[in-house]
Amino acid sequence: MAQRYHRDHHHESVDKRCGDSSADYQTNKRHRSSDEGQHRAAETLSAHRQLYERHFPLYKQPVEVGCFSLDSRRSFSNDQRQLRFIECVCSALGVDFVTWRGHLTKVLTTPYETQEGWMLAASKFRGSIYISEVETEAARVNRETRSQRQEEMMYWGYKFEQYICADDVDGTPNPGGVVNTNEAFCTVVQTRLADHKLLFSGEVDCRVKDPDAPPAPGCYVELKTSAEICTPKQRSNFHRYKLLKWWAQSFLPGVPQIVAGFRDHDGIVVTVETFPTSKISQLIKNEFNCWKPTVCMNFCNDFLSFVKSVVKEDDPRLVYLFTWDPHRDVTYAVHRDSQYTFLPEWYIKDMSSPHSSHH
């Protein structure tokens, strides 16, 4: 099924086992239906994919409401310097959720993930629920034990970007520079999934040079690299696993196309292919028992409803830690004044100031 963004609508629709403490509690009730949560919050959420094979939920066309840049030291700049050319705008909140695109991508792909779990911390502050990722123990081990080959393959992806991107609209790529993985340009988009108003940011690789291109995010391009596809089995695996994450990552912020460089064993790009985000679901439709965009979006919608039903107290020191492991339900535990607190004091102070414009 091809995905469409709906411009407006009114449609209703983690358990890394935490240590015991007086401030923590954990529950084990299965989330059965949205009606159940109207009177009492469900205490777990199933990720079983068959539960989410419903109609595709309404998803409003993402609108860019701001942008920012991160320099070589990951220092924040409220401007466009890392994209090379684009305008920055600030926005008032007035949303249900504030998070990163990558966190939502993990939620979308959950029904089909069989290897990696996740932990997402949520705090409610001034009416909005903020969601931040917590590194799992398995992810920490993987990060600390990455082989030199794995590090090299990650570097290839950044180098591919350098080979095909220019610093300005009239420039040409300069592949000779040193890759600095800290630098980034980030878009901030606002959208709605069913009844959930979302504000999230995500890194942008580049934009098309065409001056007549649609406004952001419609002019943005996601860049990827992947191993060269030589056999039908490799093509099938690419459709079933790689394209799932590529689609979720680009569909969420409304990035319309993905340019992929397919590399050989030595990291040399041998072919370049463009994937329109809206056409990816057509590429996978003939794969047996493949992933479905509908399932991804319905699970995300239900997860956000689950979070809303649980995260009630407006207190940035209170963290609800949602945890999921493959083949398990989503569970949560509650922590106050713990190591999971993630909203910075300067932000809380600024937003709580009587002179704050909530920007």
Protein backbone atom coordinates (compact mmCIF):
# COMPACT_ATOMS: atom_id res chain seq x y z
CA MET A 1 0.00 0.00 0.00
CA ALA A 2 1.34 3.39 -0.91
CA GLN A 3 1.57 5.88 1.92
CA ARG A 4 -0.11 9.27 1.79
CA TYR A 5 0.18 12.14 4.20
CA HIS A 6 -3.18 13.49 5.35
CA ARG A 7 -3.18 17.24 5.59
CA ASP A 8 -5.85 17.55 8.25
CA HIS A 9 -8.16 15.27 10.14
CA HIS A 10 -9.99 14.57 13.38
CA HIS A 11 -9.64 10.85 13.91
CA GLU A 12 -10.00 8.96 17.21
CA SER A 13 -8.68 6.16 17.07
CA VAL A 14 10.94 -1.40 28.66
CA ASP A 15 11.94 -3.61 30.75
CA LYS A 16 15.68 -3.79 31.43
CA ARG A 17 14.69 -5.14 34.79
CA CYS A 18 15.08 -2.20 37.11
CA GLY A 19 16.41 -2.55 40.64
CA ASP A 20 13.93 -2.44 43.50
CA SER A 21 13.53 0.84 45.34
CA SER A 22 10.78 2.70 47.10
CA ALA A 23 10.52 5.07 44.15
CA ASP A 24 10.15 2.33 41.55
CA TYR A 25 7.19 0.22 40.59
CA GLN A 26 6.48 -2.11 37.73
CA THR A 27 3.32 -3.84 36.57
CA ASN A 28 2.38 -6.71 34.32
CA LYS A 29 -1.10 -6.26 32.89
CA ARG A 30 -1.46 -6.81 29.14
CA HIS A 31 -2.70 -3.90 27.02
CA ARG A 32 -5.82 -5.23 25.29
CA SER A 33 -7.68 -2.29 23.78
CA SER A 34 -7.85 1.48 23.68
CA ASP A 35 -11.20 1.42 25.52
CA GLU A 36 -9.56 -0.24 28.51
CA GLY A 37 -7.24 2.71 28.97
CA GLN A 38 -10.07 5.21 29.28
CA HIS A 39 -10.59 4.30 32.94
CA ARG A 40 -7.32 2.72 33.99
CA ALA A 41 -3.97 2.78 32.27
CA ALA A 42 -2.92 -0.55 30.82
CA GLU A 43 0.34 -1.77 32.23
CA THR A 44 1.97 -3.44 29.24
CA LEU A 45 1.64 -3.12 25.49
CA SER A 46 1.89 -6.07 23.13
CA ALA A 47 4.12 -5.67 20.07
CA HIS A 48 2.59 -8.66 18.27
CA ARG A 49 2.35 -7.51 14.67
CA GLN A 50 -1.01 -9.14 13.88
CA LEU A 51 -2.69 -6.79 16.36
CA TYR A 52 -1.79 -3.80 14.21
CA GLU A 53 -3.00 -4.91 10.80
CA ARG A 54 -5.69 -2.27 10.72
CA HIS A 55 -6.35 0.70 8.47
CA PHE A 56 -3.36 2.99 8.01
CA PRO A 57 -3.68 5.73 10.66
CA LEU A 58 -3.97 9.33 9.61
CA TYR A 59 -0.57 11.02 9.50
CA LYS A 60 -0.43 14.71 8.77
CA GLN A 61 2.03 16.08 6.23
CA PRO A 62 5.14 16.99 8.29
CA VAL A 63 5.94 20.70 8.31
CA GLU A 64 9.38 22.03 9.09
CA VAL A 65 9.11 24.55 11.90
CA GLY A 66 12.79 25.03 12.62
CA CYS A 67 16.32 23.74 12.23
CA PHE A 68 19.68 23.77 14.00
CA SER A 69 23.29 22.77 13.51
CA LEU A 70 25.84 20.81 15.52
CA ASP A 71 29.53 21.59 15.00
CA SER A 72 32.60 19.37 15.31
CA ARG A 73 32.28 19.44 19.10
CA ARG A 74 28.53 18.81 18.97
CA SER A 75 27.94 22.40 20.08
CA PHE A 76 24.49 23.76 19.26
CA SER A 77 23.93 26.63 16.83
CA ASN A 78 20.45 27.88 16.09
CA ASP A 79 21.20 28.24 12.41
CA GLN A 80 21.75 26.43 9.12
CA ARG A 81 25.52 26.36 8.84
CA GLN A 82 25.80 22.58 8.62
CA LEU A 83 23.23 22.23 5.83
CA ARG A 84 25.08 24.86 3.82
CA PHE A 85 21.85 26.62 2.89
CA ILE A 86 18.44 26.80 4.61
CA GLU A 87 16.51 29.18 6.92
CA CYS A 88 15.88 28.54 10.63
CA VAL A 89 12.60 29.20 12.44
CA CYS A 90 11.61 28.66 16.08
CA SER A 91 8.26 27.33 17.18
CA ALA A 92 6.09 27.34 20.27
CA LEU A 93 5.46 23.89 21.75
CA GLY A 94 1.77 23.16 22.26
CA VAL A 95 2.34 19.51 21.34
CA ASP A 96 1.80 16.14 22.99
CA PHE A 97 5.28 14.70 22.37
CA VAL A 98 8.78 16.11 21.90
CA THR A 99 11.47 13.68 20.78
CA TRP A 100 14.04 12.67 18.16
CA ARG A 101 13.21 11.06 14.84
CA GLY A 102 15.49 8.14 15.68
CA HIS A 103 13.46 7.25 18.76
CA LEU A 104 10.24 7.14 16.75
CA THR A 105 11.99 5.06 14.09
CA LYS A 106 12.77 2.42 16.71
CA VAL A 107 9.13 2.41 17.79
CA LEU A 108 7.87 2.04 14.23
CA THR A 109 10.09 -0.95 13.49
CA THR A 110 9.39 -2.72 16.81
CA PRO A 111 6.81 -5.25 15.50
CA TYR A 112 9.42 -6.62 13.09
CA GLU A 113 12.55 -6.33 15.22
CA THR A 114 13.95 -9.65 16.43
CA GLN A 115 17.45 -8.70 17.64
CA GLU A 116 17.62 -5.37 19.46
CA GLY A 117 15.49 -4.12 22.31
CA TRP A 118 15.16 -0.53 23.48
CA MET A 119 14.56 1.68 26.51
CA LEU A 120 12.80 5.01 26.19
CA ALA A 121 12.53 7.46 29.07
CA ALA A 122 9.50 9.76 29.20
CA SER A 123 8.84 12.82 31.36
CA LYS A 124 5.92 15.22 31.26
CA PHE A 125 6.75 18.91 31.55
CA ARG A 126 4.41 21.84 30.99
CA GLY A 127 1.87 19.62 29.26
CA SER A 128 4.22 17.94 26.78
CA ILE A 129 5.74 14.48 27.09
CA TYR A 130 9.46 14.39 26.29
CA ILE A 131 10.95 11.09 25.15
CA SER A 132 14.66 10.27 25.30
CA GLU A 133 16.53 7.04 24.64
CA VAL A 134 18.46 5.16 27.32
CA GLU A 135 21.22 2.86 26.13
CA THR A 136 20.50 -0.78 26.85
CA GLU A 137 23.16 -3.05 28.28
CA ALA A 138 23.29 -5.00 25.01
CA ALA A 139 23.75 -1.80 23.01
CA ARG A 140 26.54 -0.69 25.33
CA VAL A 141 28.38 -3.98 24.90
CA ASN A 142 27.99 -3.83 21.12
CA ARG A 143 29.30 -0.27 21.04
CA GLU A 144 32.31 -1.03 23.21
CA THR A 145 33.25 -4.22 21.34
CA ARG A 146 32.85 -3.06 17.75
CA SER A 147 35.50 -4.50 15.52
CA GLN A 148 37.83 -2.42 13.38
CA ARG A 149 35.94 -3.68 10.33
CA GLN A 150 32.63 -2.44 11.76
CA GLU A 151 34.15 0.95 12.54
CA GLU A 152 35.49 1.13 9.00
CA MET A 153 32.09 0.31 7.48
CA MET A 154 30.48 3.09 9.53
CA TYR A 155 33.11 5.49 8.23
CA TRP A 156 32.28 4.48 4.63
CA GLY A 157 28.77 5.86 5.05
CA TYR A 158 30.03 9.27 6.12
CA LYS A 159 32.62 9.31 3.36
CA PHE A 160 29.92 8.59 0.76
CA GLU A 161 28.10 11.73 1.91
CA GLN A 162 31.29 13.73 1.45
CA TYR A 163 31.75 12.45 -2.08
CA ILE A 164 28.33 13.56 -3.31
CA CYS A 165 27.56 16.67 -1.23
CA ALA A 166 28.68 20.26 -1.81
CA ASP A 167 28.99 22.93 0.86
CA ASP A 168 26.82 25.39 -1.05
CA VAL A 169 24.37 25.47 -3.90
CA ASP A 170 26.99 26.55 -6.45
CA GLY A 171 29.80 24.36 -5.13
CA THR A 172 31.11 20.90 -5.96
CA PRO A 173 31.85 18.00 -3.60
CA ASN A 174 35.25 17.94 -1.91
CA PRO A 175 35.98 14.30 -1.04
CA GLY A 176 39.44 15.09 0.26
CA GLY A 177 38.39 16.57 3.58
CA VAL A 178 38.49 14.85 6.96
CA VAL A 179 35.18 13.30 8.00
CA ASN A 180 33.89 14.71 11.29
CA THR A 181 30.94 12.63 12.48
CA ASN A 182 29.94 15.20 15.11
CA GLU A 183 28.83 17.79 12.57
CA ALA A 184 25.17 17.70 11.68
CA PHE A 185 22.27 19.74 10.39
CA CYS A 186 18.93 18.95 12.00
CA THR A 187 15.42 19.73 10.92
CA VAL A 188 12.61 20.24 13.41
CA VAL A 189 9.21 19.13 12.14
CA GLN A 190 5.72 19.22 13.50
CA THR A 191 3.07 16.71 12.54
CA ARG A 192 0.19 14.65 13.90
CA LEU A 193 -0.32 10.91 14.10
CA ALA A 194 -4.01 10.31 14.70
CA ASP A 195 -4.65 12.30 17.92
CA HIS A 196 -1.00 12.78 18.84
CA LYS A 197 0.65 16.12 18.10
CA LEU A 198 4.35 15.49 17.51
CA LEU A 199 7.39 17.75 17.48
CA PHE A 200 10.65 16.02 16.67
CA SER A 201 14.04 16.67 15.19
CA GLY A 202 16.29 14.57 13.01
CA GLU A 203 19.57 14.88 11.16
CA VAL A 204 19.39 15.86 7.50
CA ASP A 205 22.10 14.69 5.10
CA CYS A 206 21.51 17.20 2.30
CA ARG A 207 18.98 18.93 0.07
CA VAL A 208 18.58 19.02 -3.69
CA LYS A 209 20.17 21.95 -5.53
CA ASP A 210 17.12 22.67 -7.66
CA PRO A 211 15.93 26.20 -6.69
CA ASP A 212 12.40 25.19 -7.67
CA ALA A 213 12.36 22.23 -5.28
CA PRO A 214 9.50 22.12 -2.77
CA PRO A 215 10.04 23.72 0.63
CA ALA A 216 11.61 21.74 3.45
CA PRO A 217 11.27 18.92 4.26
CA GLY A 218 10.23 18.16 0.66
CA CYS A 219 13.65 19.19 -0.68
CA TYR A 220 15.66 16.99 1.67
CA VAL A 221 17.47 13.80 0.69
CA GLU A 222 18.54 10.91 2.91
CA LEU A 223 21.87 9.30 1.98
CA LYS A 224 22.62 5.64 2.67
CA THR A 225 25.16 2.97 1.84
CA SER A 226 24.63 -0.76 1.70
CA ALA A 227 26.41 -3.89 0.54
CA GLU A 228 26.22 -4.62 -3.19
CA ILE A 229 23.27 -6.88 -4.06
CA CYS A 230 24.37 -9.85 -6.18
CA THR A 231 21.79 -12.59 -5.53
CA PRO A 232 17.98 -12.86 -5.19
CA LYS A 233 18.44 -13.80 -1.53
CA GLN A 234 20.44 -10.66 -0.88
CA ARG A 235 17.78 -8.59 -2.63
CA SER A 236 15.07 -10.19 -0.50
CA ASN A 237 16.99 -9.53 2.72
CA PHE A 238 17.55 -5.94 1.63
CA HIS A 239 13.80 -5.49 1.11
CA ARG A 240 12.86 -7.19 4.37
CA TYR A 241 15.33 -5.61 6.76
CA LYS A 242 17.26 -2.64 5.39
CA LEU A 243 14.36 -0.96 3.58
CA LEU A 244 12.18 -1.17 6.68
CA LYS A 245 14.49 1.11 8.64
CA TRP A 246 15.18 3.35 5.66
CA TRP A 247 11.47 3.81 5.03
CA ALA A 248 10.62 4.55 8.68
CA GLN A 249 13.46 7.03 9.03
CA SER A 250 12.45 9.03 5.95
CA PHE A 251 8.66 8.71 6.10
CA LEU A 252 8.40 10.19 9.58
CA PRO A 253 9.86 13.65 8.75
CA GLY A 254 8.54 13.70 5.18
CA VAL A 255 11.87 13.24 3.40
CA PRO A 256 10.78 12.21 -0.12
CA GLN A 257 13.79 10.33 -1.42
CA ILE A 258 16.71 8.16 -0.39
CA VAL A 259 19.90 7.98 -2.46
CA ALA A 260 21.81 4.79 -1.77
CA GLY A 261 25.35 3.86 -2.73
CA PHE A 262 25.91 0.11 -3.05
CA ARG A 263 29.48 -0.83 -2.21
CA ASP A 264 31.68 -3.84 -2.78
CA HIS A 265 33.67 -5.68 -0.11
CA ASP A 266 36.37 -3.02 -0.19
CA GLY A 267 33.94 -0.15 0.37
CA ILE A 268 33.99 1.09 -3.23
CA VAL A 269 30.56 2.32 -4.38
CA VAL A 270 29.74 0.48 -7.60
CA THR A 271 26.13 1.63 -8.16
CA VAL A 272 23.91 4.45 -6.94
CA GLU A 273 20.15 4.06 -6.75
CA THR A 274 17.35 6.43 -5.76
CA PHE A 275 14.40 5.18 -3.73
CA PRO A 276 11.34 7.45 -3.52
CA THR A 277 10.08 7.01 0.02
CA SER A 278 6.46 6.71 -1.12
CA LYS A 279 7.35 3.86 -3.49
CA ILE A 280 9.18 1.62 -1.05
CA SER A 281 6.03 -0.20 0.00
CA GLN A 282 5.53 -1.20 -3.63
CA LEU A 283 9.02 -2.70 -3.79
CA ILE A 284 8.32 -5.05 -0.90
CA LYS A 285 4.73 -6.06 -1.67
CA ASN A 286 5.76 -9.31 -3.39
CA GLU A 287 8.01 -10.43 -0.55
CA PHE A 288 6.41 -13.25 1.43
CA ASN A 289 5.42 -12.30 4.98
CA CYS A 290 7.25 -8.98 4.69
CA TRP A 291 6.84 -5.89 6.83
CA LYS A 292 3.83 -3.63 6.44
CA PRO A 293 3.86 0.15 6.85
CA THR A 294 0.34 -0.05 8.30
CA VAL A 295 1.52 -2.27 11.15
CA CYS A 296 4.42 0.09 11.91
CA MET A 297 2.27 3.20 12.09
CA ASN A 298 -0.54 1.56 14.05
CA PHE A 299 1.92 0.25 16.62
CA CYS A 300 3.49 3.69 16.95
CA ASN A 301 0.05 5.22 17.40
CA ASP A 302 -0.88 2.69 20.08
CA PHE A 303 2.48 3.10 21.80
CA LEU A 304 2.01 6.86 22.05
CA SER A 305 -1.51 6.29 23.41
CA PHE A 306 -0.03 3.86 25.94
CA VAL A 307 2.57 6.44 27.00
CA LYS A 308 -0.13 9.09 27.36
CA SER A 309 -2.21 6.77 29.56
CA VAL A 310 0.77 6.14 31.84
CA VAL A 311 2.62 9.47 31.98
CA LYS A 312 0.19 11.60 33.92
CA GLU A 313 2.20 13.57 36.49
CA ASP A 314 3.70 16.80 35.17
CA ASP A 315 7.15 16.67 36.76
CA PRO A 316 10.47 16.68 34.86
CA ARG A 317 12.16 14.84 37.76
CA LEU A 318 9.79 11.91 37.31
CA VAL A 319 10.84 9.49 34.59
CA TYR A 320 8.72 6.69 33.21
CA LEU A 321 11.11 4.15 31.69
CA PHE A 322 9.49 2.14 28.89
CA THR A 323 11.33 -1.04 27.96
CA TRP A 324 10.93 -3.55 25.17
CA ASP A 325 12.80 -6.71 24.30
CA PRO A 326 12.14 -8.87 21.22
CA HIS A 327 9.22 -11.26 21.67
CA ARG A 328 8.16 -9.45 24.85
CA ASP A 329 5.57 -6.82 25.70
CA VAL A 330 6.41 -3.18 26.32
CA THR A 331 6.59 -2.60 30.07
CA TYR A 332 7.46 0.39 32.22
CA ALA A 333 8.90 1.38 35.58
CA VAL A 334 8.80 4.74 37.33
CA HIS A 335 11.84 6.56 38.73
CA ARG A 336 12.04 9.84 40.64
CA ASP A 337 15.27 11.85 40.92
CA SER A 338 17.22 9.01 39.33
CA GLN A 339 20.02 8.57 36.80
CA TYR A 340 17.34 8.46 34.10
CA THR A 341 16.33 12.11 34.53
CA PHE A 342 17.18 13.75 31.24
CA LEU A 343 15.62 17.22 30.93
CA PRO A 344 18.44 19.71 31.69
CA GLU A 345 18.05 22.16 34.53
CA TRP A 346 18.68 25.17 32.28
CA TYR A 347 15.78 24.13 30.07
CA ILE A 348 13.43 23.57 32.97
CA LYS A 349 14.38 26.93 34.47
CA ASP A 350 14.01 28.76 31.17
CA MET A 351 10.64 27.21 30.37
CA SER A 352 9.38 27.83 33.90
CA SER A 353 10.34 31.51 33.84
CA PRO A 354 7.37 33.91 33.89
CA HIS A 355 9.04 35.72 31.02
CA SER A 356 9.38 32.57 28.92
CA SER A 357 7.67 32.76 25.53
CA HIS A 358 7.63 28.92 25.37
CA HIS A 359 9.84 28.96 22.30
